[in-house]
N, C-alpha and C. Protein backbone atom coordinates (compact mmCIF):
# COMPACT_ATOMS: atom_id res chain seq x y z
N VAL A 1 0.84 -1.18 0.00
CA VAL A 1 0.00 0.00 0.00
C VAL A 1 0.88 1.24 0.00
N ALA A 2 1.94 1.22 0.81
CA ALA A 2 2.84 2.37 0.86
C ALA A 2 3.45 2.64 -0.52
N VAL A 3 3.85 1.59 -1.22
CA VAL A 3 4.43 1.75 -2.55
C VAL A 3 3.39 2.34 -3.51
N LEU A 4 2.16 1.82 -3.44
CA LEU A 4 1.10 2.34 -4.30
C LEU A 4 0.84 3.82 -4.03
N LEU A 5 0.83 4.20 -2.78
CA LEU A 5 0.57 5.60 -2.43
C LEU A 5 1.74 6.49 -2.81
N LEU A 6 2.97 6.06 -2.51
CA LEU A 6 4.15 6.87 -2.83
C LEU A 6 4.38 7.00 -4.33
N SER A 7 4.03 5.99 -5.09
CA SER A 7 4.23 6.04 -6.53
C SER A 7 3.11 6.78 -7.25
N GLY A 8 2.04 7.11 -6.53
CA GLY A 8 0.94 7.84 -7.14
C GLY A 8 -0.05 6.95 -7.87
N CYS A 9 0.12 5.64 -7.80
CA CYS A 9 -0.82 4.73 -8.45
C CYS A 9 -2.18 4.75 -7.77
N MET A 10 -2.18 5.11 -6.50
CA MET A 10 -3.43 5.16 -5.75
C MET A 10 -3.40 6.39 -4.87
N LYS A 11 -4.55 7.05 -4.81
CA LYS A 11 -4.66 8.24 -3.96
C LYS A 11 -5.09 7.80 -2.56
N PRO A 12 -4.70 8.56 -1.53
CA PRO A 12 -5.08 8.19 -0.16
C PRO A 12 -6.59 8.01 0.01
N LYS A 13 -7.38 8.84 -0.66
CA LYS A 13 -8.84 8.68 -0.55
C LYS A 13 -9.30 7.34 -1.11
N GLU A 14 -8.69 6.91 -2.21
CA GLU A 14 -9.04 5.62 -2.80
C GLU A 14 -8.65 4.47 -1.86
N ALA A 15 -7.48 4.59 -1.25
CA ALA A 15 -7.03 3.55 -0.31
C ALA A 15 -7.97 3.48 0.88
N TYR A 16 -8.33 4.63 1.41
CA TYR A 16 -9.23 4.66 2.56
C TYR A 16 -10.61 4.09 2.19
N ALA A 17 -11.10 4.43 1.01
CA ALA A 17 -12.42 3.96 0.58
C ALA A 17 -12.44 2.45 0.30
N SER A 18 -11.29 1.88 -0.01
CA SER A 18 -11.25 0.46 -0.34
C SER A 18 -11.18 -0.45 0.90
N VAL A 19 -10.99 0.14 2.06
CA VAL A 19 -10.94 -0.66 3.29
C VAL A 19 -12.35 -1.11 3.65
N GLU A 20 -12.50 -2.39 3.91
CA GLU A 20 -13.80 -2.95 4.32
C GLU A 20 -13.93 -2.78 5.84
N TRP A 21 -14.43 -1.64 6.26
CA TRP A 21 -14.49 -1.31 7.68
C TRP A 21 -15.41 -2.25 8.46
N SER A 22 -16.47 -2.70 7.84
CA SER A 22 -17.38 -3.61 8.55
C SER A 22 -16.68 -4.93 8.87
N ILE A 23 -15.87 -5.42 7.96
CA ILE A 23 -15.13 -6.65 8.20
C ILE A 23 -14.11 -6.45 9.32
N LEU A 24 -13.43 -5.29 9.29
CA LEU A 24 -12.48 -5.01 10.36
C LEU A 24 -13.15 -4.94 11.72
N MET A 25 -14.33 -4.35 11.79
CA MET A 25 -15.05 -4.26 13.06
C MET A 25 -15.46 -5.65 13.56
N ILE A 26 -15.88 -6.52 12.65
CA ILE A 26 -16.22 -7.89 13.04
C ILE A 26 -14.99 -8.59 13.60
N ILE A 27 -13.86 -8.45 12.91
CA ILE A 27 -12.62 -9.09 13.36
C ILE A 27 -12.22 -8.57 14.74
N PHE A 28 -12.22 -7.26 14.92
CA PHE A 28 -11.83 -6.68 16.21
C PHE A 28 -12.81 -7.10 17.31
N GLY A 29 -14.09 -7.13 16.97
CA GLY A 29 -15.09 -7.56 17.96
C GLY A 29 -14.90 -9.00 18.37
N MET A 30 -14.61 -9.88 17.40
CA MET A 30 -14.39 -11.29 17.71
C MET A 30 -13.09 -11.50 18.48
N LEU A 31 -12.06 -10.71 18.16
CA LEU A 31 -10.82 -10.80 18.93
C LEU A 31 -11.08 -10.42 20.39
N ALA A 32 -11.85 -9.36 20.59
CA ALA A 32 -12.19 -8.95 21.95
C ALA A 32 -13.05 -10.02 22.64
N LEU A 33 -13.99 -10.58 21.91
CA LEU A 33 -14.83 -11.64 22.49
C LEU A 33 -14.00 -12.86 22.86
N GLY A 34 -13.07 -13.25 22.00
CA GLY A 34 -12.19 -14.37 22.29
C GLY A 34 -11.34 -14.11 23.53
N GLN A 35 -10.84 -12.88 23.64
CA GLN A 35 -10.05 -12.51 24.82
C GLN A 35 -10.91 -12.52 26.08
N ALA A 36 -12.13 -12.02 25.96
CA ALA A 36 -13.05 -12.01 27.11
C ALA A 36 -13.42 -13.43 27.53
N MET A 37 -13.65 -14.30 26.55
CA MET A 37 -13.98 -15.69 26.86
C MET A 37 -12.82 -16.36 27.59
N ASP A 38 -11.61 -16.03 27.18
CA ASP A 38 -10.44 -16.63 27.81
C ASP A 38 -10.25 -16.09 29.23
N SER A 39 -10.36 -14.79 29.41
CA SER A 39 -10.10 -14.20 30.73
C SER A 39 -11.22 -14.48 31.74
N THR A 40 -12.44 -14.68 31.28
CA THR A 40 -13.54 -14.97 32.21
C THR A 40 -13.70 -16.45 32.52
N GLY A 41 -13.02 -17.29 31.75
CA GLY A 41 -13.14 -18.73 31.97
C GLY A 41 -14.24 -19.36 31.14
N ALA A 42 -14.92 -18.58 30.31
CA ALA A 42 -16.01 -19.13 29.48
C ALA A 42 -15.48 -20.16 28.49
N SER A 43 -14.31 -19.91 27.93
CA SER A 43 -13.75 -20.87 26.97
C SER A 43 -13.44 -22.20 27.64
N LEU A 44 -12.95 -22.16 28.88
CA LEU A 44 -12.69 -23.40 29.60
C LEU A 44 -13.99 -24.12 29.94
N LEU A 45 -15.02 -23.37 30.28
CA LEU A 45 -16.33 -23.95 30.57
C LEU A 45 -16.90 -24.65 29.33
N ILE A 46 -16.79 -23.99 28.17
CA ILE A 46 -17.25 -24.59 26.92
C ILE A 46 -16.43 -25.84 26.61
N ALA A 47 -15.11 -25.74 26.79
CA ALA A 47 -14.23 -26.87 26.52
C ALA A 47 -14.58 -28.06 27.41
N GLU A 48 -14.84 -27.80 28.68
CA GLU A 48 -15.20 -28.89 29.60
C GLU A 48 -16.53 -29.51 29.20
N GLY A 49 -17.49 -28.70 28.75
CA GLY A 49 -18.77 -29.23 28.31
C GLY A 49 -18.63 -30.12 27.09
N LEU A 50 -17.84 -29.67 26.11
CA LEU A 50 -17.61 -30.47 24.91
C LEU A 50 -16.87 -31.76 25.26
N THR A 51 -15.89 -31.65 26.13
CA THR A 51 -15.12 -32.82 26.53
C THR A 51 -15.99 -33.83 27.27
N ASP A 52 -16.89 -33.34 28.12
CA ASP A 52 -17.80 -34.25 28.83
C ASP A 52 -18.68 -35.03 27.85
N ILE A 53 -19.14 -34.35 26.81
CA ILE A 53 -19.97 -35.01 25.80
C ILE A 53 -19.19 -36.13 25.13
N VAL A 54 -17.97 -35.82 24.70
CA VAL A 54 -17.15 -36.81 24.01
C VAL A 54 -16.77 -37.96 24.95
N ARG A 55 -16.46 -37.64 26.19
CA ARG A 55 -16.10 -38.70 27.15
C ARG A 55 -17.26 -39.66 27.40
N SER A 56 -18.48 -39.15 27.28
CA SER A 56 -19.64 -40.02 27.54
C SER A 56 -19.94 -40.97 26.39
N VAL A 57 -19.42 -40.68 25.20
CA VAL A 57 -19.74 -41.53 24.05
C VAL A 57 -18.55 -42.27 23.45
N ALA A 58 -17.33 -41.90 23.85
CA ALA A 58 -16.16 -42.49 23.20
C ALA A 58 -15.24 -43.18 24.20
N PRO A 59 -14.60 -44.26 23.76
CA PRO A 59 -13.60 -44.89 24.62
C PRO A 59 -12.40 -43.95 24.81
N ALA A 60 -11.64 -44.15 25.85
CA ALA A 60 -10.55 -43.24 26.22
C ALA A 60 -9.54 -43.03 25.09
N HIS A 61 -9.20 -44.09 24.36
CA HIS A 61 -8.18 -43.96 23.32
C HIS A 61 -8.66 -43.18 22.10
N MET A 62 -9.95 -42.94 21.97
CA MET A 62 -10.50 -42.20 20.82
C MET A 62 -10.92 -40.77 21.17
N GLN A 63 -10.87 -40.41 22.44
CA GLN A 63 -11.41 -39.12 22.85
C GLN A 63 -10.67 -37.94 22.24
N ALA A 64 -9.36 -37.98 22.21
CA ALA A 64 -8.59 -36.86 21.66
C ALA A 64 -8.89 -36.67 20.17
N VAL A 65 -8.96 -37.76 19.44
CA VAL A 65 -9.23 -37.67 18.00
C VAL A 65 -10.66 -37.15 17.76
N LEU A 66 -11.62 -37.64 18.52
CA LEU A 66 -12.99 -37.17 18.37
C LEU A 66 -13.12 -35.70 18.76
N MET A 67 -12.40 -35.27 19.79
CA MET A 67 -12.41 -33.86 20.17
C MET A 67 -11.80 -33.01 19.07
N LEU A 68 -10.74 -33.52 18.45
CA LEU A 68 -10.10 -32.81 17.34
C LEU A 68 -11.10 -32.63 16.20
N ALA A 69 -11.83 -33.69 15.88
CA ALA A 69 -12.83 -33.64 14.82
C ALA A 69 -13.96 -32.67 15.18
N LEU A 70 -14.43 -32.72 16.41
CA LEU A 70 -15.50 -31.83 16.85
C LEU A 70 -15.05 -30.37 16.82
N LEU A 71 -13.84 -30.12 17.29
CA LEU A 71 -13.29 -28.76 17.27
C LEU A 71 -13.17 -28.27 15.83
N TYR A 72 -12.66 -29.11 14.95
CA TYR A 72 -12.54 -28.75 13.54
C TYR A 72 -13.91 -28.41 12.96
N LEU A 73 -14.89 -29.24 13.24
CA LEU A 73 -16.23 -29.05 12.71
C LEU A 73 -16.84 -27.73 13.19
N ILE A 74 -16.72 -27.44 14.47
CA ILE A 74 -17.28 -26.20 15.02
C ILE A 74 -16.57 -24.99 14.43
N THR A 75 -15.25 -25.05 14.37
CA THR A 75 -14.49 -23.94 13.78
C THR A 75 -14.86 -23.74 12.32
N SER A 76 -15.02 -24.84 11.61
CA SER A 76 -15.40 -24.77 10.20
C SER A 76 -16.78 -24.14 10.02
N LEU A 77 -17.70 -24.47 10.89
CA LEU A 77 -19.04 -23.85 10.82
C LEU A 77 -18.97 -22.36 11.11
N PHE A 78 -18.19 -21.97 12.12
CA PHE A 78 -18.05 -20.55 12.44
C PHE A 78 -17.42 -19.79 11.28
N THR A 79 -16.40 -20.37 10.66
CA THR A 79 -15.67 -19.64 9.63
C THR A 79 -16.49 -19.45 8.36
N GLU A 80 -17.56 -20.21 8.21
CA GLU A 80 -18.41 -20.02 7.04
C GLU A 80 -19.28 -18.77 7.16
N PHE A 81 -19.46 -18.28 8.38
CA PHE A 81 -20.33 -17.12 8.57
C PHE A 81 -19.63 -15.94 9.23
N LEU A 82 -18.43 -16.16 9.74
CA LEU A 82 -17.60 -15.10 10.28
C LEU A 82 -16.34 -15.06 9.42
N SER A 83 -15.47 -14.13 9.69
CA SER A 83 -14.19 -14.16 8.99
C SER A 83 -13.33 -15.27 9.60
N ASN A 84 -12.32 -15.68 8.86
CA ASN A 84 -11.43 -16.73 9.39
C ASN A 84 -10.69 -16.24 10.63
N ASN A 85 -10.34 -14.96 10.66
CA ASN A 85 -9.65 -14.41 11.83
C ASN A 85 -10.56 -14.43 13.06
N ALA A 86 -11.81 -14.07 12.87
CA ALA A 86 -12.75 -14.07 13.99
C ALA A 86 -13.00 -15.49 14.49
N ALA A 87 -13.13 -16.43 13.59
CA ALA A 87 -13.38 -17.82 13.98
C ALA A 87 -12.23 -18.38 14.79
N VAL A 88 -11.01 -18.14 14.35
CA VAL A 88 -9.86 -18.68 15.08
C VAL A 88 -9.69 -17.95 16.41
N ALA A 89 -10.01 -16.66 16.46
CA ALA A 89 -9.90 -15.93 17.72
C ALA A 89 -10.88 -16.48 18.75
N LEU A 90 -12.03 -16.93 18.30
CA LEU A 90 -13.00 -17.54 19.21
C LEU A 90 -12.60 -18.96 19.63
N MET A 91 -12.05 -19.71 18.70
CA MET A 91 -11.87 -21.14 18.93
C MET A 91 -10.53 -21.53 19.56
N VAL A 92 -9.49 -20.74 19.39
CA VAL A 92 -8.20 -21.12 19.99
C VAL A 92 -8.27 -21.19 21.51
N PRO A 93 -8.90 -20.22 22.19
CA PRO A 93 -9.02 -20.41 23.65
C PRO A 93 -9.79 -21.68 24.03
N ILE A 94 -10.78 -22.04 23.25
CA ILE A 94 -11.53 -23.27 23.50
C ILE A 94 -10.64 -24.48 23.23
N ALA A 95 -9.84 -24.41 22.17
CA ALA A 95 -8.90 -25.50 21.85
C ALA A 95 -7.91 -25.71 22.99
N LEU A 96 -7.42 -24.62 23.54
CA LEU A 96 -6.48 -24.72 24.67
C LEU A 96 -7.17 -25.34 25.89
N GLY A 97 -8.43 -24.95 26.11
CA GLY A 97 -9.20 -25.52 27.22
C GLY A 97 -9.47 -27.00 27.03
N ILE A 98 -9.75 -27.41 25.82
CA ILE A 98 -9.98 -28.83 25.52
C ILE A 98 -8.72 -29.63 25.83
N ALA A 99 -7.57 -29.13 25.38
CA ALA A 99 -6.32 -29.84 25.63
C ALA A 99 -6.03 -29.93 27.13
N ALA A 100 -6.30 -28.83 27.84
CA ALA A 100 -6.07 -28.84 29.29
C ALA A 100 -7.00 -29.83 29.98
N THR A 101 -8.25 -29.87 29.55
CA THR A 101 -9.22 -30.79 30.15
C THR A 101 -8.85 -32.25 29.89
N LEU A 102 -8.38 -32.52 28.68
CA LEU A 102 -7.97 -33.89 28.33
C LEU A 102 -6.58 -34.24 28.86
N GLY A 103 -5.82 -33.23 29.24
CA GLY A 103 -4.46 -33.46 29.72
C GLY A 103 -3.50 -33.84 28.61
N VAL A 104 -3.67 -33.24 27.42
CA VAL A 104 -2.81 -33.55 26.28
C VAL A 104 -2.18 -32.26 25.74
N ASP A 105 -1.27 -32.43 24.80
CA ASP A 105 -0.59 -31.29 24.16
C ASP A 105 -1.61 -30.46 23.37
N PRO A 106 -1.62 -29.14 23.54
CA PRO A 106 -2.60 -28.31 22.84
C PRO A 106 -2.30 -28.07 21.36
N ARG A 107 -1.09 -28.33 20.92
CA ARG A 107 -0.72 -28.00 19.54
C ARG A 107 -1.62 -28.62 18.48
N PRO A 108 -1.98 -29.90 18.56
CA PRO A 108 -2.86 -30.44 17.51
C PRO A 108 -4.21 -29.71 17.43
N PHE A 109 -4.73 -29.30 18.57
CA PHE A 109 -6.02 -28.62 18.60
C PHE A 109 -5.91 -27.21 18.03
N VAL A 110 -4.84 -26.51 18.36
CA VAL A 110 -4.64 -25.16 17.83
C VAL A 110 -4.41 -25.21 16.32
N VAL A 111 -3.58 -26.14 15.88
CA VAL A 111 -3.32 -26.27 14.44
C VAL A 111 -4.60 -26.63 13.69
N ALA A 112 -5.38 -27.55 14.22
CA ALA A 112 -6.64 -27.92 13.56
C ALA A 112 -7.60 -26.73 13.49
N SER A 113 -7.64 -25.92 14.55
CA SER A 113 -8.49 -24.73 14.53
C SER A 113 -8.03 -23.75 13.45
N CYS A 114 -6.73 -23.57 13.35
CA CYS A 114 -6.19 -22.66 12.33
C CYS A 114 -6.50 -23.15 10.92
N ILE A 115 -6.33 -24.43 10.70
CA ILE A 115 -6.63 -24.98 9.37
C ILE A 115 -8.12 -24.87 9.07
N ALA A 116 -8.96 -25.24 10.03
CA ALA A 116 -10.41 -25.17 9.82
C ALA A 116 -10.87 -23.74 9.55
N SER A 117 -10.27 -22.79 10.23
CA SER A 117 -10.69 -21.40 10.02
C SER A 117 -10.28 -20.87 8.66
N SER A 118 -9.29 -21.49 8.07
CA SER A 118 -8.84 -21.05 6.74
C SER A 118 -9.47 -21.85 5.61
N ALA A 119 -10.11 -22.94 5.92
CA ALA A 119 -10.74 -23.79 4.91
C ALA A 119 -12.22 -23.44 4.81
N SER A 120 -12.48 -22.29 4.28
CA SER A 120 -13.86 -21.79 4.18
C SER A 120 -14.27 -21.79 2.71
N PHE A 121 -14.92 -22.85 2.31
CA PHE A 121 -15.28 -23.00 0.90
C PHE A 121 -16.78 -23.07 0.65
N ALA A 122 -17.59 -23.30 1.68
CA ALA A 122 -19.01 -23.62 1.49
C ALA A 122 -19.93 -22.42 1.40
N THR A 123 -19.45 -21.22 1.72
CA THR A 123 -20.27 -20.01 1.58
C THR A 123 -19.40 -18.89 1.00
N PRO A 124 -20.03 -17.91 0.40
CA PRO A 124 -19.26 -16.76 -0.06
C PRO A 124 -18.96 -15.75 1.05
N ILE A 125 -19.41 -16.03 2.26
CA ILE A 125 -19.29 -15.08 3.36
C ILE A 125 -17.99 -15.24 4.12
N GLY A 126 -17.55 -16.47 4.34
CA GLY A 126 -16.49 -16.76 5.29
C GLY A 126 -15.10 -16.30 4.92
N TYR A 127 -14.82 -16.10 3.66
CA TYR A 127 -13.47 -15.70 3.27
C TYR A 127 -13.57 -14.58 2.24
N GLN A 128 -12.67 -13.61 2.35
CA GLN A 128 -12.75 -12.42 1.52
C GLN A 128 -12.73 -12.72 0.03
N THR A 129 -11.90 -13.65 -0.39
CA THR A 129 -11.81 -13.99 -1.81
C THR A 129 -13.13 -14.56 -2.31
N ASN A 130 -13.77 -15.39 -1.51
CA ASN A 130 -15.09 -15.93 -1.89
C ASN A 130 -16.08 -14.79 -2.08
N THR A 131 -16.06 -13.83 -1.18
CA THR A 131 -16.99 -12.69 -1.27
C THR A 131 -16.75 -11.89 -2.54
N TYR A 132 -15.49 -11.67 -2.88
CA TYR A 132 -15.16 -10.89 -4.07
C TYR A 132 -15.65 -11.59 -5.34
N VAL A 133 -15.37 -12.87 -5.48
CA VAL A 133 -15.76 -13.56 -6.71
C VAL A 133 -17.25 -13.86 -6.77
N TYR A 134 -17.91 -13.87 -5.64
CA TYR A 134 -19.35 -14.15 -5.58
C TYR A 134 -20.12 -13.18 -6.46
N GLY A 135 -19.92 -11.91 -6.25
CA GLY A 135 -20.65 -10.90 -7.02
C GLY A 135 -20.13 -10.75 -8.44
N VAL A 136 -18.84 -10.66 -8.58
CA VAL A 136 -18.22 -10.42 -9.88
C VAL A 136 -18.44 -11.60 -10.83
N GLY A 137 -18.34 -12.80 -10.31
CA GLY A 137 -18.45 -13.99 -11.15
C GLY A 137 -19.87 -14.42 -11.45
N GLY A 138 -20.85 -13.77 -10.81
CA GLY A 138 -22.24 -14.14 -11.05
C GLY A 138 -22.62 -15.48 -10.44
N TYR A 139 -21.92 -15.90 -9.40
CA TYR A 139 -22.22 -17.17 -8.75
C TYR A 139 -23.44 -17.05 -7.85
N ARG A 140 -24.05 -18.17 -7.58
CA ARG A 140 -25.13 -18.24 -6.60
C ARG A 140 -24.57 -18.80 -5.31
N PHE A 141 -25.27 -18.53 -4.21
CA PHE A 141 -24.85 -19.02 -2.90
C PHE A 141 -24.71 -20.54 -2.93
N THR A 142 -25.65 -21.19 -3.58
CA THR A 142 -25.64 -22.66 -3.62
C THR A 142 -24.46 -23.22 -4.42
N ASP A 143 -23.90 -22.42 -5.32
CA ASP A 143 -22.71 -22.88 -6.05
C ASP A 143 -21.56 -23.13 -5.08
N PHE A 144 -21.42 -22.23 -4.12
CA PHE A 144 -20.36 -22.40 -3.12
C PHE A 144 -20.62 -23.62 -2.26
N THR A 145 -21.85 -23.82 -1.85
CA THR A 145 -22.18 -24.95 -0.99
C THR A 145 -22.00 -26.28 -1.73
N ARG A 146 -22.44 -26.34 -2.95
CA ARG A 146 -22.36 -27.57 -3.73
C ARG A 146 -20.91 -28.01 -3.94
N VAL A 147 -20.03 -27.08 -4.23
CA VAL A 147 -18.62 -27.42 -4.46
C VAL A 147 -17.83 -27.37 -3.16
N GLY A 148 -18.14 -26.40 -2.31
CA GLY A 148 -17.34 -26.16 -1.12
C GLY A 148 -17.55 -27.15 0.01
N LEU A 149 -18.76 -27.63 0.19
CA LEU A 149 -19.02 -28.56 1.29
C LEU A 149 -18.21 -29.85 1.17
N PRO A 150 -18.19 -30.51 0.00
CA PRO A 150 -17.33 -31.69 -0.13
C PRO A 150 -15.85 -31.35 0.08
N LEU A 151 -15.44 -30.18 -0.38
CA LEU A 151 -14.05 -29.77 -0.19
C LEU A 151 -13.75 -29.54 1.29
N ASN A 152 -14.69 -28.93 2.01
CA ASN A 152 -14.54 -28.77 3.46
C ASN A 152 -14.40 -30.12 4.16
N LEU A 153 -15.24 -31.07 3.78
CA LEU A 153 -15.20 -32.40 4.41
C LEU A 153 -13.88 -33.12 4.09
N LEU A 154 -13.40 -32.96 2.87
CA LEU A 154 -12.12 -33.54 2.49
C LEU A 154 -10.98 -32.94 3.31
N CYS A 155 -10.99 -31.62 3.46
CA CYS A 155 -9.95 -30.95 4.27
C CYS A 155 -10.03 -31.41 5.72
N MET A 156 -11.24 -31.60 6.22
CA MET A 156 -11.42 -32.06 7.59
C MET A 156 -10.83 -33.45 7.76
N ALA A 157 -11.15 -34.35 6.86
CA ALA A 157 -10.64 -35.72 6.95
C ALA A 157 -9.12 -35.76 6.90
N ILE A 158 -8.54 -35.00 5.99
CA ILE A 158 -7.08 -34.97 5.87
C ILE A 158 -6.46 -34.38 7.13
N THR A 159 -7.05 -33.31 7.64
CA THR A 159 -6.52 -32.67 8.85
C THR A 159 -6.58 -33.60 10.05
N ILE A 160 -7.73 -34.24 10.24
CA ILE A 160 -7.89 -35.14 11.39
C ILE A 160 -6.92 -36.32 11.29
N PHE A 161 -6.57 -36.71 10.09
CA PHE A 161 -5.63 -37.81 9.90
C PHE A 161 -4.17 -37.36 10.06
N VAL A 162 -3.80 -36.22 9.47
CA VAL A 162 -2.41 -35.81 9.41
C VAL A 162 -1.93 -35.06 10.66
N VAL A 163 -2.75 -34.18 11.21
CA VAL A 163 -2.31 -33.36 12.34
C VAL A 163 -1.80 -34.20 13.52
N PRO A 164 -2.51 -35.25 13.95
CA PRO A 164 -1.98 -36.04 15.07
C PRO A 164 -0.68 -36.78 14.74
N MET A 165 -0.43 -37.00 13.45
CA MET A 165 0.82 -37.65 13.05
C MET A 165 1.99 -36.70 13.18
N VAL A 166 1.75 -35.41 12.94
CA VAL A 166 2.81 -34.41 13.01
C VAL A 166 2.95 -33.85 14.42
N TRP A 167 1.83 -33.56 15.06
CA TRP A 167 1.82 -33.02 16.43
C TRP A 167 1.06 -34.03 17.30
N GLU A 168 1.79 -34.84 18.00
CA GLU A 168 1.17 -35.90 18.81
C GLU A 168 0.41 -35.30 19.99
N PHE A 169 -0.65 -36.03 20.39
CA PHE A 169 -1.42 -35.61 21.56
C PHE A 169 -0.56 -35.80 22.75
């Protein structure tokens, strides 16, 4: 941006007008919400609730993997309707709480949250590039869902399989 402004390719008014202020406000609001959830203990409470659910249905050796899948799924759902930054800001404190509750390394959960928040293919809302091509390309909302949902599920399956191999619980 500095190069564009200094070279005269773009005027400061044009640069200011091109900023998506509503998206920035959502991101800042979600960052604050994520911080508030972490400092008040809400993220740990949510993590304990999710962990209790998984513990009631899964054997001990499968709990970490099922929690990873559940965390990925929830983050993926959030990122389809929020920005990827907002989704990860909300989910990383929960991921840390899940790891603490299970007594395992938090890295696989944080990495899965980051990947899930960036794998937003099923709606034109969740990622800026999707939003840009949605209007310009003449796509329908259902076009994203029809192609993006299988792609989201494929990314989820690969992540759930590969992440624990690289970052052990």
